[in-house]
Amino acid sequence: MAHLWEIDHPYYCAEGNYFKIGQHTRWDSWQEFVDETVYVTGDRDLNLLFRWDWQRNGNSHTLLLFFVIQRKGFNCSQEITVTEGDEPAIRTFLGECAVTMRDTWEPFLDALRPTA
């Protein structure tokens, strides 16, 4: 399985929110992000992660997370300085978020599956 920093997503997502200033937050570490926010421990449906990008520049690693806060009707982004050692915890978090996203689209995805 590829490391998260080896995955290159097509296109890109703009940081923050076009309609409201101040919706992009920077964090010094994964642990600080976990300790100071509810994104990791909170409601996955309310704080719906729709995209992530792990950027690597030499020994510097940054994780960008893009959320839709569904009941408030806006999106925001989080920029987190991470390390390769954070990958297992981040992979677990992203996997949990992926389940929520899949559950949201599951009825449609079943219709797209080819029949044998």
Protein backbone atom coordinates (compact mmCIF):
# COMPACT_ATOMS: atom_id res chain seq x y z
CA MET A 1 0.00 0.00 0.00
CA ALA A 2 1.31 3.44 -0.92
CA HIS A 3 2.23 5.95 1.76
CA LEU A 4 -0.25 8.80 2.06
CA TRP A 5 2.37 11.29 0.81
CA GLU A 6 2.82 9.21 -2.36
CA ILE A 7 -0.81 9.66 -3.43
CA ASP A 8 -1.41 12.44 -5.93
CA HIS A 9 -5.03 13.53 -6.24
CA PRO A 10 -6.27 14.99 -9.50
CA TYR A 11 -6.89 18.72 -9.53
CA TYR A 12 -6.73 20.65 -6.24
CA CYS A 13 -8.97 22.27 -3.66
CA ALA A 14 -8.67 25.91 -2.66
CA GLU A 15 -7.95 26.47 1.02
CA GLY A 16 -10.44 28.33 3.18
CA ASN A 17 -13.87 29.46 2.07
CA TYR A 18 -14.53 31.76 -0.87
CA PHE A 19 -17.47 33.40 0.89
CA LYS A 20 -16.04 33.86 4.39
CA ILE A 21 -12.55 34.91 5.50
CA GLY A 22 -10.85 32.99 8.30
CA GLN A 23 -11.93 29.45 7.45
CA HIS A 24 -8.40 28.06 7.03
CA THR A 25 -6.56 27.08 10.20
CA ARG A 26 -2.92 26.01 10.60
CA TRP A 27 -1.74 23.52 13.22
CA ASP A 28 1.82 22.79 14.34
CA SER A 29 1.28 19.03 14.77
CA TRP A 30 -1.19 16.20 14.34
CA GLN A 31 -1.45 15.89 18.13
CA GLU A 32 -2.32 19.57 18.51
CA PHE A 33 -5.04 19.17 15.87
CA VAL A 34 -6.44 16.12 17.69
CA ASP A 35 -6.33 17.80 21.11
CA GLU A 36 -7.74 21.19 20.09
CA THR A 37 -10.53 20.31 17.63
CA VAL A 38 -13.55 18.00 17.39
CA TYR A 39 -12.81 16.93 13.82
CA VAL A 40 -11.15 13.69 14.89
CA THR A 41 -13.42 12.75 17.80
CA GLY A 42 -16.65 14.48 16.72
CA ASP A 43 -19.59 13.76 14.46
CA ARG A 44 -18.38 12.55 11.04
CA ASP A 45 -21.67 13.51 9.35
CA LEU A 46 -21.69 17.04 10.74
CA ASN A 47 -17.99 17.60 9.95
CA LEU A 48 -17.85 15.80 6.62
CA LEU A 49 -14.31 15.42 5.29
CA PHE A 50 -14.55 15.59 1.51
CA ARG A 51 -10.89 15.80 0.56
CA TRP A 52 -7.39 15.38 1.95
CA ASP A 53 -3.94 16.04 0.50
CA TRP A 54 -0.63 15.06 2.08
CA GLN A 55 2.10 17.28 0.68
CA ARG A 56 5.76 16.43 1.04
CA ASN A 57 8.55 18.87 0.35
CA GLY A 58 11.85 17.25 1.30
CA ASN A 59 11.56 16.39 5.00
CA SER A 60 8.61 18.74 5.52
CA HIS A 61 5.13 17.21 5.53
CA THR A 62 1.80 19.01 5.51
CA LEU A 63 -1.66 17.48 5.65
CA LEU A 64 -4.52 19.50 4.19
CA LEU A 65 -8.03 18.51 5.26
CA PHE A 66 -11.16 19.96 3.65
CA PHE A 67 -14.47 19.79 5.51
CA VAL A 68 -18.08 20.69 4.84
CA ILE A 69 -19.79 21.68 8.08
CA GLN A 70 -23.15 20.45 6.90
CA ARG A 71 -25.55 22.05 9.38
CA LYS A 72 -23.87 25.42 9.01
CA GLY A 73 -23.61 25.18 5.23
CA PHE A 74 -19.98 26.16 4.78
CA ASN A 75 -16.63 24.60 4.07
CA CYS A 76 -13.32 25.09 5.83
CA SER A 77 -9.81 23.73 5.62
CA GLN A 78 -7.17 22.67 8.11
CA GLU A 79 -3.42 22.69 7.43
CA ILE A 80 -1.42 20.45 9.75
CA THR A 81 2.32 19.97 10.01
CA VAL A 82 2.74 16.19 10.23
CA THR A 83 5.50 13.59 10.25
CA GLU A 84 5.85 10.21 8.63
CA GLY A 85 5.32 8.76 12.11
CA ASP A 86 1.83 10.29 12.20
CA GLU A 87 0.75 8.25 9.19
CA PRO A 88 -0.87 5.30 11.06
CA ALA A 89 -3.12 7.58 13.14
CA ILE A 90 -3.97 9.73 10.13
CA ARG A 91 -4.71 6.66 8.01
CA THR A 92 -7.16 5.45 10.71
CA PHE A 93 -8.86 8.86 10.78
CA LEU A 94 -9.10 9.05 6.98
CA GLY A 95 -10.49 5.52 6.86
CA GLU A 96 -13.26 6.43 9.30
CA CYS A 97 -14.07 9.51 7.22
CA ALA A 98 -14.12 7.41 4.05
CA VAL A 99 -16.73 5.11 5.58
CA THR A 100 -18.97 8.11 6.24
CA MET A 101 -18.51 9.35 2.67
CA ARG A 102 -19.20 5.89 1.26
CA ASP A 103 -22.35 5.56 3.40
CA THR A 104 -23.56 8.88 2.00
CA TRP A 105 -23.16 7.70 -1.60
CA GLU A 106 -23.80 3.94 -1.15
CA PRO A 107 -27.30 3.79 -2.71
CA PHE A 108 -25.96 5.39 -5.87
CA LEU A 109 -22.75 3.33 -5.93
CA ASP A 110 -24.67 0.05 -5.88
CA ALA A 111 -26.43 1.05 -9.10
CA LEU A 112 -23.08 1.66 -10.81
CA ARG A 113 -21.52 -1.72 -10.00
CA PRO A 114 -21.19 -3.90 -13.09
CA THR A 115 -23.10 -7.17 -13.08
CA ALA A 116 -21.26 -10.37 -13.82
